[in-house]
Amino acid sequence: QVQLVESGGGLVQPGGSLRLSCVASESIFNFEHMDWYRQAPGKQREFVATITGGGTINYRDSVKGRFTISRDSAKNTVYLQMNSLLPEDTAVYLCHARVNPAAESWGQGTQVTVSS
């Protein structure tokens, strides 16, 4: 099973920026898609952004124009650049990989806290 390790979370003031990284234990070149999800305390996990193997990108509406997902296949890494952060962005951010129709993996998550 593919191992995913997230990093880059932390405490940031409203309006600030963070870049999250998700490193996979094997090549992501042929993965169907890789995604970022988030889960705030007491709330359901929600989709944030996705990038397919073909490079198609989608975001949840509330982060459009503020977050950017990208990948570096040579480094087996997917990034989430988060700008203009809001308190409601506070959550544990989790990386997800859909390797193929029968295989998927989740990372352990990285905490993002937006507070003054």
N, C-alpha and C. Protein backbone atom coordinates (compact mmCIF):
# COMPACT_ATOMS: atom_id res chain seq x y z
N GLN A 1 0.84 -1.19 0.00
CA GLN A 1 0.00 0.00 0.00
C GLN A 1 0.87 1.24 0.00
N VAL A 2 0.44 2.23 -0.75
CA VAL A 2 1.19 3.48 -0.83
C VAL A 2 1.12 4.21 0.51
N GLN A 3 2.25 4.68 0.97
CA GLN A 3 2.30 5.50 2.18
C GLN A 3 2.33 6.97 1.77
N LEU A 4 1.53 7.78 2.47
CA LEU A 4 1.48 9.21 2.20
C LEU A 4 1.85 9.96 3.47
N VAL A 5 2.73 10.92 3.36
CA VAL A 5 3.15 11.70 4.52
C VAL A 5 2.97 13.19 4.21
N GLU A 6 2.11 13.82 5.00
CA GLU A 6 1.87 15.26 4.84
C GLU A 6 2.78 16.07 5.76
N SER A 7 3.05 17.28 5.35
CA SER A 7 3.79 18.23 6.18
C SER A 7 3.43 19.64 5.75
N GLY A 8 3.86 20.61 6.56
CA GLY A 8 3.67 22.01 6.19
C GLY A 8 2.59 22.74 6.96
N GLY A 9 1.86 22.02 7.79
CA GLY A 9 0.83 22.68 8.58
C GLY A 9 1.43 23.55 9.67
N GLY A 10 0.55 24.28 10.35
CA GLY A 10 1.00 25.13 11.43
C GLY A 10 -0.02 26.16 11.81
N LEU A 11 0.42 27.12 12.62
CA LEU A 11 -0.43 28.23 13.06
C LEU A 11 -0.11 29.45 12.21
N VAL A 12 -1.13 30.07 11.66
CA VAL A 12 -0.94 31.25 10.83
C VAL A 12 -2.06 32.24 11.10
N GLN A 13 -1.75 33.51 10.95
CA GLN A 13 -2.77 34.54 11.14
C GLN A 13 -3.70 34.62 9.95
N PRO A 14 -4.92 35.11 10.16
CA PRO A 14 -5.83 35.31 9.02
C PRO A 14 -5.16 36.17 7.94
N GLY A 15 -5.33 35.75 6.69
CA GLY A 15 -4.69 36.43 5.58
C GLY A 15 -3.33 35.87 5.22
N GLY A 16 -2.82 34.98 6.05
CA GLY A 16 -1.51 34.39 5.81
C GLY A 16 -1.54 33.25 4.83
N SER A 17 -0.37 32.63 4.64
CA SER A 17 -0.22 31.56 3.67
C SER A 17 0.52 30.37 4.28
N LEU A 18 0.23 29.21 3.75
CA LEU A 18 0.95 27.98 4.07
C LEU A 18 1.03 27.14 2.81
N ARG A 19 2.07 26.32 2.72
CA ARG A 19 2.15 25.33 1.64
C ARG A 19 2.27 23.95 2.26
N LEU A 20 1.29 23.12 1.95
CA LEU A 20 1.29 21.73 2.40
C LEU A 20 1.94 20.85 1.35
N SER A 21 2.62 19.82 1.83
CA SER A 21 3.24 18.83 0.94
C SER A 21 2.74 17.44 1.31
N CYS A 22 2.61 16.59 0.32
CA CYS A 22 2.24 15.19 0.52
C CYS A 22 3.20 14.35 -0.30
N VAL A 23 4.05 13.60 0.39
CA VAL A 23 5.03 12.77 -0.29
C VAL A 23 4.57 11.33 -0.28
N ALA A 24 4.57 10.72 -1.45
CA ALA A 24 4.17 9.33 -1.60
C ALA A 24 5.39 8.41 -1.59
N SER A 25 5.17 7.17 -1.16
CA SER A 25 6.27 6.21 -1.04
C SER A 25 6.64 5.57 -2.36
N GLU A 26 5.85 5.86 -3.40
CA GLU A 26 6.18 5.35 -4.72
C GLU A 26 5.77 6.37 -5.76
N SER A 27 6.08 6.08 -7.00
CA SER A 27 5.81 7.03 -8.07
C SER A 27 4.33 7.33 -8.20
N ILE A 28 4.00 8.62 -8.32
CA ILE A 28 2.61 9.03 -8.46
C ILE A 28 2.24 9.24 -9.93
N PHE A 29 3.17 8.96 -10.82
CA PHE A 29 2.97 9.29 -12.22
C PHE A 29 1.69 8.68 -12.78
N ASN A 30 1.39 7.44 -12.42
CA ASN A 30 0.23 6.76 -12.98
C ASN A 30 -0.98 6.72 -12.05
N PHE A 31 -0.93 7.46 -10.97
CA PHE A 31 -2.10 7.49 -10.07
C PHE A 31 -3.28 8.12 -10.81
N GLU A 32 -4.49 7.62 -10.51
CA GLU A 32 -5.67 8.20 -11.15
C GLU A 32 -5.84 9.66 -10.73
N HIS A 33 -5.78 9.91 -9.46
CA HIS A 33 -5.85 11.27 -8.97
C HIS A 33 -5.34 11.35 -7.54
N MET A 34 -4.92 12.54 -7.14
CA MET A 34 -4.54 12.80 -5.77
C MET A 34 -5.30 14.02 -5.29
N ASP A 35 -5.66 13.98 -4.03
CA ASP A 35 -6.59 14.98 -3.50
C ASP A 35 -6.13 15.48 -2.14
N TRP A 36 -6.66 16.61 -1.79
CA TRP A 36 -6.59 17.12 -0.42
C TRP A 36 -8.00 17.19 0.14
N TYR A 37 -8.15 16.69 1.35
CA TYR A 37 -9.39 16.80 2.11
C TYR A 37 -9.05 17.52 3.42
N ARG A 38 -10.08 17.94 4.13
CA ARG A 38 -9.86 18.51 5.45
C ARG A 38 -11.00 18.12 6.38
N GLN A 39 -10.67 18.10 7.65
CA GLN A 39 -11.68 17.77 8.65
C GLN A 39 -11.49 18.65 9.87
N ALA A 40 -12.50 19.47 10.14
CA ALA A 40 -12.50 20.33 11.30
C ALA A 40 -13.15 19.59 12.47
N PRO A 41 -12.84 19.99 13.70
CA PRO A 41 -13.42 19.33 14.87
C PRO A 41 -14.95 19.32 14.81
N GLY A 42 -15.53 18.16 15.01
CA GLY A 42 -16.98 18.04 15.04
C GLY A 42 -17.66 18.10 13.68
N LYS A 43 -16.86 18.13 12.62
CA LYS A 43 -17.43 18.22 11.27
C LYS A 43 -16.99 17.03 10.43
N GLN A 44 -17.73 16.81 9.35
CA GLN A 44 -17.39 15.73 8.44
C GLN A 44 -16.18 16.12 7.59
N ARG A 45 -15.47 15.10 7.15
CA ARG A 45 -14.37 15.32 6.22
C ARG A 45 -14.93 15.90 4.93
N GLU A 46 -14.23 16.90 4.38
CA GLU A 46 -14.72 17.51 3.16
C GLU A 46 -13.61 17.62 2.13
N PHE A 47 -14.01 17.52 0.88
CA PHE A 47 -13.10 17.64 -0.25
C PHE A 47 -12.59 19.07 -0.36
N VAL A 48 -11.31 19.21 -0.68
CA VAL A 48 -10.72 20.53 -0.87
C VAL A 48 -10.26 20.73 -2.32
N ALA A 49 -9.45 19.80 -2.82
CA ALA A 49 -8.90 19.97 -4.17
C ALA A 49 -8.45 18.63 -4.71
N THR A 50 -8.43 18.52 -6.04
CA THR A 50 -7.99 17.29 -6.68
C THR A 50 -7.17 17.61 -7.92
N ILE A 51 -6.23 16.73 -8.23
CA ILE A 51 -5.48 16.80 -9.48
C ILE A 51 -5.41 15.39 -10.04
N THR A 52 -5.86 15.22 -11.30
CA THR A 52 -5.87 13.91 -11.91
C THR A 52 -4.52 13.61 -12.57
N GLY A 53 -4.38 12.36 -12.98
CA GLY A 53 -3.16 11.98 -13.68
C GLY A 53 -2.96 12.77 -14.96
N GLY A 54 -4.06 13.20 -15.56
CA GLY A 54 -3.97 13.99 -16.78
C GLY A 54 -3.81 15.48 -16.53
N GLY A 55 -3.82 15.87 -15.26
CA GLY A 55 -3.61 17.26 -14.91
C GLY A 55 -4.86 18.09 -14.70
N THR A 56 -6.02 17.44 -14.75
CA THR A 56 -7.27 18.17 -14.50
C THR A 56 -7.36 18.52 -13.02
N ILE A 57 -7.76 19.75 -12.74
CA ILE A 57 -7.79 20.25 -11.36
C ILE A 57 -9.19 20.75 -11.03
N ASN A 58 -9.61 20.48 -9.81
CA ASN A 58 -10.87 21.02 -9.31
C ASN A 58 -10.74 21.38 -7.84
N TYR A 59 -11.54 22.34 -7.41
CA TYR A 59 -11.53 22.82 -6.04
C TYR A 59 -12.95 22.92 -5.50
N ARG A 60 -13.04 22.87 -4.17
CA ARG A 60 -14.33 23.22 -3.58
C ARG A 60 -14.49 24.73 -3.75
N ASP A 61 -15.74 25.17 -3.82
CA ASP A 61 -16.00 26.57 -4.14
C ASP A 61 -15.36 27.54 -3.15
N SER A 62 -15.36 27.19 -1.88
CA SER A 62 -14.91 28.13 -0.86
C SER A 62 -13.41 28.40 -0.89
N VAL A 63 -12.64 27.59 -1.63
CA VAL A 63 -11.19 27.81 -1.68
C VAL A 63 -10.73 28.28 -3.06
N LYS A 64 -11.63 28.32 -4.02
CA LYS A 64 -11.26 28.76 -5.37
C LYS A 64 -10.69 30.18 -5.33
N GLY A 65 -9.58 30.36 -6.02
CA GLY A 65 -8.92 31.66 -6.05
C GLY A 65 -7.96 31.88 -4.90
N ARG A 66 -7.99 30.99 -3.90
CA ARG A 66 -7.10 31.13 -2.74
C ARG A 66 -6.12 29.96 -2.64
N PHE A 67 -6.57 28.76 -3.00
CA PHE A 67 -5.74 27.56 -2.88
C PHE A 67 -5.32 27.10 -4.28
N THR A 68 -4.12 26.52 -4.35
CA THR A 68 -3.63 25.96 -5.60
C THR A 68 -3.02 24.59 -5.34
N ILE A 69 -3.53 23.58 -6.06
CA ILE A 69 -2.96 22.24 -5.98
C ILE A 69 -2.01 22.05 -7.14
N SER A 70 -0.91 21.36 -6.88
CA SER A 70 0.06 21.08 -7.93
C SER A 70 0.80 19.79 -7.57
N ARG A 71 1.54 19.27 -8.53
CA ARG A 71 2.30 18.04 -8.24
C ARG A 71 3.64 18.10 -8.94
N ASP A 72 4.58 17.38 -8.32
CA ASP A 72 5.90 17.19 -8.90
C ASP A 72 6.13 15.69 -8.93
N SER A 73 5.88 15.10 -10.08
CA SER A 73 5.97 13.64 -10.20
C SER A 73 7.38 13.14 -9.95
N ALA A 74 8.37 13.94 -10.27
CA ALA A 74 9.76 13.53 -10.06
C ALA A 74 10.08 13.37 -8.58
N LYS A 75 9.33 14.12 -7.75
CA LYS A 75 9.53 14.05 -6.30
C LYS A 75 8.43 13.27 -5.60
N ASN A 76 7.53 12.66 -6.37
CA ASN A 76 6.40 11.91 -5.80
C ASN A 76 5.61 12.75 -4.81
N THR A 77 5.42 14.02 -5.12
CA THR A 77 4.86 14.97 -4.17
C THR A 77 3.72 15.77 -4.80
N VAL A 78 2.69 15.97 -3.99
CA VAL A 78 1.59 16.87 -4.31
C VAL A 78 1.60 18.00 -3.29
N TYR A 79 1.33 19.20 -3.77
CA TYR A 79 1.35 20.38 -2.91
C TYR A 79 -0.03 21.01 -2.85
N LEU A 80 -0.26 21.75 -1.77
CA LEU A 80 -1.44 22.60 -1.67
C LEU A 80 -0.96 23.95 -1.15
N GLN A 81 -0.90 24.93 -2.05
CA GLN A 81 -0.55 26.29 -1.66
C GLN A 81 -1.82 26.99 -1.20
N MET A 82 -1.82 27.48 0.01
CA MET A 82 -3.01 28.10 0.60
C MET A 82 -2.69 29.55 0.92
N ASN A 83 -3.38 30.46 0.26
CA ASN A 83 -3.21 31.89 0.48
C ASN A 83 -4.50 32.49 1.04
N SER A 84 -4.39 33.69 1.58
CA SER A 84 -5.55 34.41 2.12
C SER A 84 -6.35 33.51 3.06
N LEU A 85 -5.65 32.87 3.96
CA LEU A 85 -6.30 31.91 4.85
C LEU A 85 -7.30 32.60 5.78
N LEU A 86 -8.38 31.87 6.05
CA LEU A 86 -9.47 32.34 6.90
C LEU A 86 -9.59 31.43 8.11
N PRO A 87 -10.14 31.92 9.20
CA PRO A 87 -10.33 31.05 10.37
C PRO A 87 -11.10 29.78 10.04
N GLU A 88 -12.03 29.87 9.12
CA GLU A 88 -12.82 28.68 8.76
C GLU A 88 -12.03 27.67 7.95
N ASP A 89 -10.80 27.98 7.59
CA ASP A 89 -9.93 27.00 6.95
C ASP A 89 -9.24 26.10 7.98
N THR A 90 -9.40 26.41 9.24
CA THR A 90 -8.78 25.61 10.30
C THR A 90 -9.31 24.18 10.27
N ALA A 91 -8.38 23.22 10.19
CA ALA A 91 -8.75 21.81 10.08
C ALA A 91 -7.49 20.97 10.03
N VAL A 92 -7.68 19.67 10.13
CA VAL A 92 -6.62 18.73 9.77
C VAL A 92 -6.74 18.47 8.28
N TYR A 93 -5.67 18.68 7.57
CA TYR A 93 -5.65 18.49 6.12
C TYR A 93 -5.03 17.12 5.80
N LEU A 94 -5.76 16.35 5.02
CA LEU A 94 -5.34 14.98 4.71
C LEU A 94 -5.13 14.81 3.21
N CYS A 95 -4.09 14.08 2.89
CA CYS A 95 -3.79 13.74 1.51
C CYS A 95 -4.41 12.40 1.18
N HIS A 96 -4.95 12.28 -0.01
CA HIS A 96 -5.58 11.05 -0.47
C HIS A 96 -5.06 10.72 -1.87
N ALA A 97 -4.80 9.45 -2.09
CA ALA A 97 -4.38 8.99 -3.41
C ALA A 97 -5.32 7.89 -3.90
N ARG A 98 -5.89 8.09 -5.06
CA ARG A 98 -6.63 7.03 -5.75
C ARG A 98 -5.63 6.46 -6.76
N VAL A 99 -5.02 5.35 -6.37
CA VAL A 99 -3.98 4.76 -7.21
C VAL A 99 -4.59 4.14 -8.47
N ASN A 100 -5.64 3.36 -8.25
CA ASN A 100 -6.40 2.73 -9.34
C ASN A 100 -7.77 2.40 -8.78
N PRO A 101 -8.69 1.85 -9.57
CA PRO A 101 -10.04 1.61 -9.05
C PRO A 101 -10.10 0.72 -7.81
N ALA A 102 -9.06 -0.06 -7.57
CA ALA A 102 -9.09 -0.99 -6.44
C ALA A 102 -8.18 -0.58 -5.29
N ALA A 103 -7.49 0.52 -5.40
CA ALA A 103 -6.51 0.87 -4.37
C ALA A 103 -6.50 2.35 -4.10
N GLU A 104 -6.51 2.69 -2.82
CA GLU A 104 -6.42 4.08 -2.40
C GLU A 104 -5.65 4.13 -1.08
N SER A 105 -5.14 5.32 -0.77
CA SER A 105 -4.43 5.52 0.48
C SER A 105 -4.73 6.89 1.05
N TRP A 106 -4.62 6.97 2.37
CA TRP A 106 -4.79 8.24 3.09
C TRP A 106 -3.53 8.50 3.92
N GLY A 107 -3.17 9.76 4.04
CA GLY A 107 -2.14 10.15 4.96
C GLY A 107 -2.71 10.35 6.35
N GLN A 108 -1.82 10.69 7.30
CA GLN A 108 -2.24 10.88 8.68
C GLN A 108 -2.77 12.29 8.93
N GLY A 109 -2.42 13.20 8.06
CA GLY A 109 -2.93 14.56 8.20
C GLY A 109 -1.94 15.53 8.82
N THR A 110 -2.15 16.80 8.54
CA THR A 110 -1.36 17.87 9.13
C THR A 110 -2.30 18.99 9.58
N GLN A 111 -2.07 19.49 10.78
CA GLN A 111 -2.98 20.47 11.37
C GLN A 111 -2.70 21.86 10.81
N VAL A 112 -3.75 22.53 10.39
CA VAL A 112 -3.68 23.93 9.99
C VAL A 112 -4.60 24.73 10.90
N THR A 113 -4.05 25.72 11.57
CA THR A 113 -4.82 26.57 12.46
C THR A 113 -4.67 28.02 12.03
N VAL A 114 -5.79 28.66 11.75
CA VAL A 114 -5.78 30.06 11.32
C VAL A 114 -6.43 30.87 12.44
N SER A 115 -5.61 31.65 13.10
CA SER A 115 -6.09 32.39 14.26
C SER A 115 -5.18 33.58 14.54
N SER A 116 -5.79 34.65 15.06
CA SER A 116 -4.99 35.81 15.46
C SER A 116 -4.63 35.73 16.93
